[in-house]
Amino acid sequence: MERTASEKGLIIRHLILPGCRHDSIKIINWIAENLPSDSFMISLMSQYTPDYNNNIYPEINRKITNFEYNSVHKPNNRIWI
């Protein structure tokens, strides 16, 4: 019986930050290009919540949008959990 990637490999959890979708895409592409495809799965996290004191950093003083999440996540890619 063959084991799945989650049973024998690595689960990579990645938190998408507001305004950083292009960075997330670059990271995910690097992972996909540099690790064997059957050795990992990626868990994208969208639950970033601004801290009460983030008003001094307006660029991250919001949750990510559906557009940001969906532009990073490619639903037909088998690397996603």
Protein backbone atom coordinates (compact mmCIF):
# COMPACT_ATOMS: atom_id res chain seq x y z
CA MET A 1 0.00 0.00 0.00
CA GLU A 2 1.49 3.34 -1.07
CA ARG A 3 1.57 6.16 1.46
CA THR A 4 0.39 9.66 0.58
CA ALA A 5 2.64 12.72 0.69
CA SER A 6 1.12 13.75 4.01
CA GLU A 7 2.04 10.36 5.49
CA LYS A 8 5.62 10.27 4.27
CA GLY A 9 6.54 13.85 3.45
CA LEU A 10 6.39 17.41 4.56
CA ILE A 11 3.42 19.67 5.18
CA ILE A 12 4.35 23.30 4.60
CA ARG A 13 2.08 25.88 6.21
CA HIS A 14 2.19 29.31 4.57
CA LEU A 15 0.46 32.42 5.90
CA ILE A 16 -0.57 34.90 3.22
CA LEU A 17 -0.07 38.49 4.36
CA PRO A 18 -2.02 41.54 3.14
CA GLY A 19 -0.47 43.07 0.05
CA CYS A 20 2.06 40.24 -0.29
CA ARG A 21 0.35 37.86 -2.70
CA HIS A 22 3.19 38.12 -5.22
CA ASP A 23 5.68 37.15 -2.51
CA SER A 24 3.52 34.15 -1.62
CA ILE A 25 3.37 33.08 -5.26
CA LYS A 26 7.17 33.35 -5.54
CA ILE A 27 7.66 31.24 -2.41
CA ILE A 28 5.22 28.57 -3.57
CA ASN A 29 6.81 28.46 -7.02
CA TRP A 30 10.25 28.05 -5.44
CA ILE A 31 9.00 25.16 -3.31
CA ALA A 32 7.37 23.48 -6.32
CA GLU A 33 10.54 23.87 -8.42
CA ASN A 34 13.03 22.77 -5.77
CA LEU A 35 11.38 19.94 -3.85
CA PRO A 36 10.29 16.58 -5.26
CA SER A 37 6.58 16.87 -6.07
CA ASP A 38 5.64 13.78 -4.07
CA SER A 39 7.46 14.90 -0.91
CA PHE A 40 5.30 17.81 0.28
CA MET A 41 1.88 19.41 0.46
CA ILE A 42 1.16 23.08 1.11
CA SER A 43 -1.42 24.37 3.56
CA LEU A 44 -2.29 27.98 2.74
CA MET A 45 -3.40 30.01 5.71
CA SER A 46 -5.63 33.04 5.31
CA GLN A 47 -6.33 33.79 8.95
CA TYR A 48 -3.96 36.74 9.37
CA THR A 49 -5.60 39.16 11.81
CA PRO A 50 -4.22 42.63 12.44
CA ASP A 51 -2.91 43.28 15.92
CA TYR A 52 -4.51 46.02 17.98
CA ASN A 53 -1.42 48.20 17.45
CA ASN A 54 -0.99 47.77 13.70
CA ASN A 55 -2.19 51.28 12.94
CA ILE A 56 1.48 52.25 12.81
CA TYR A 57 1.85 49.78 9.89
CA PRO A 58 -1.14 50.58 7.65
CA GLU A 59 0.00 48.18 4.91
CA ILE A 60 -0.77 45.20 7.18
CA ASN A 61 -3.64 46.72 9.16
CA ARG A 62 -6.29 44.57 7.44
CA LYS A 63 -7.21 40.99 6.72
CA ILE A 64 -6.37 39.53 3.32
CA THR A 65 -9.02 39.76 0.61
CA ASN A 66 -10.64 36.87 -1.24
CA PHE A 67 -8.83 38.09 -4.35
CA GLU A 68 -5.46 37.85 -2.61
CA TYR A 69 -6.16 34.34 -1.36
CA ASN A 70 -7.59 33.09 -4.65
CA SER A 71 -4.72 34.54 -6.68
CA VAL A 72 -2.24 32.55 -4.57
CA HIS A 73 -4.28 29.35 -4.43
CA LYS A 74 -4.59 27.45 -7.68
CA PRO A 75 -7.44 25.00 -7.05
CA ASN A 76 -6.39 22.38 -9.59
CA ASN A 77 -2.87 22.02 -8.22
CA ARG A 78 -2.30 18.78 -6.30
CA ILE A 79 0.16 20.34 -3.82
CA TRP A 80 -2.62 21.89 -1.75
CA ILE A 81 -4.10 20.33 1.35
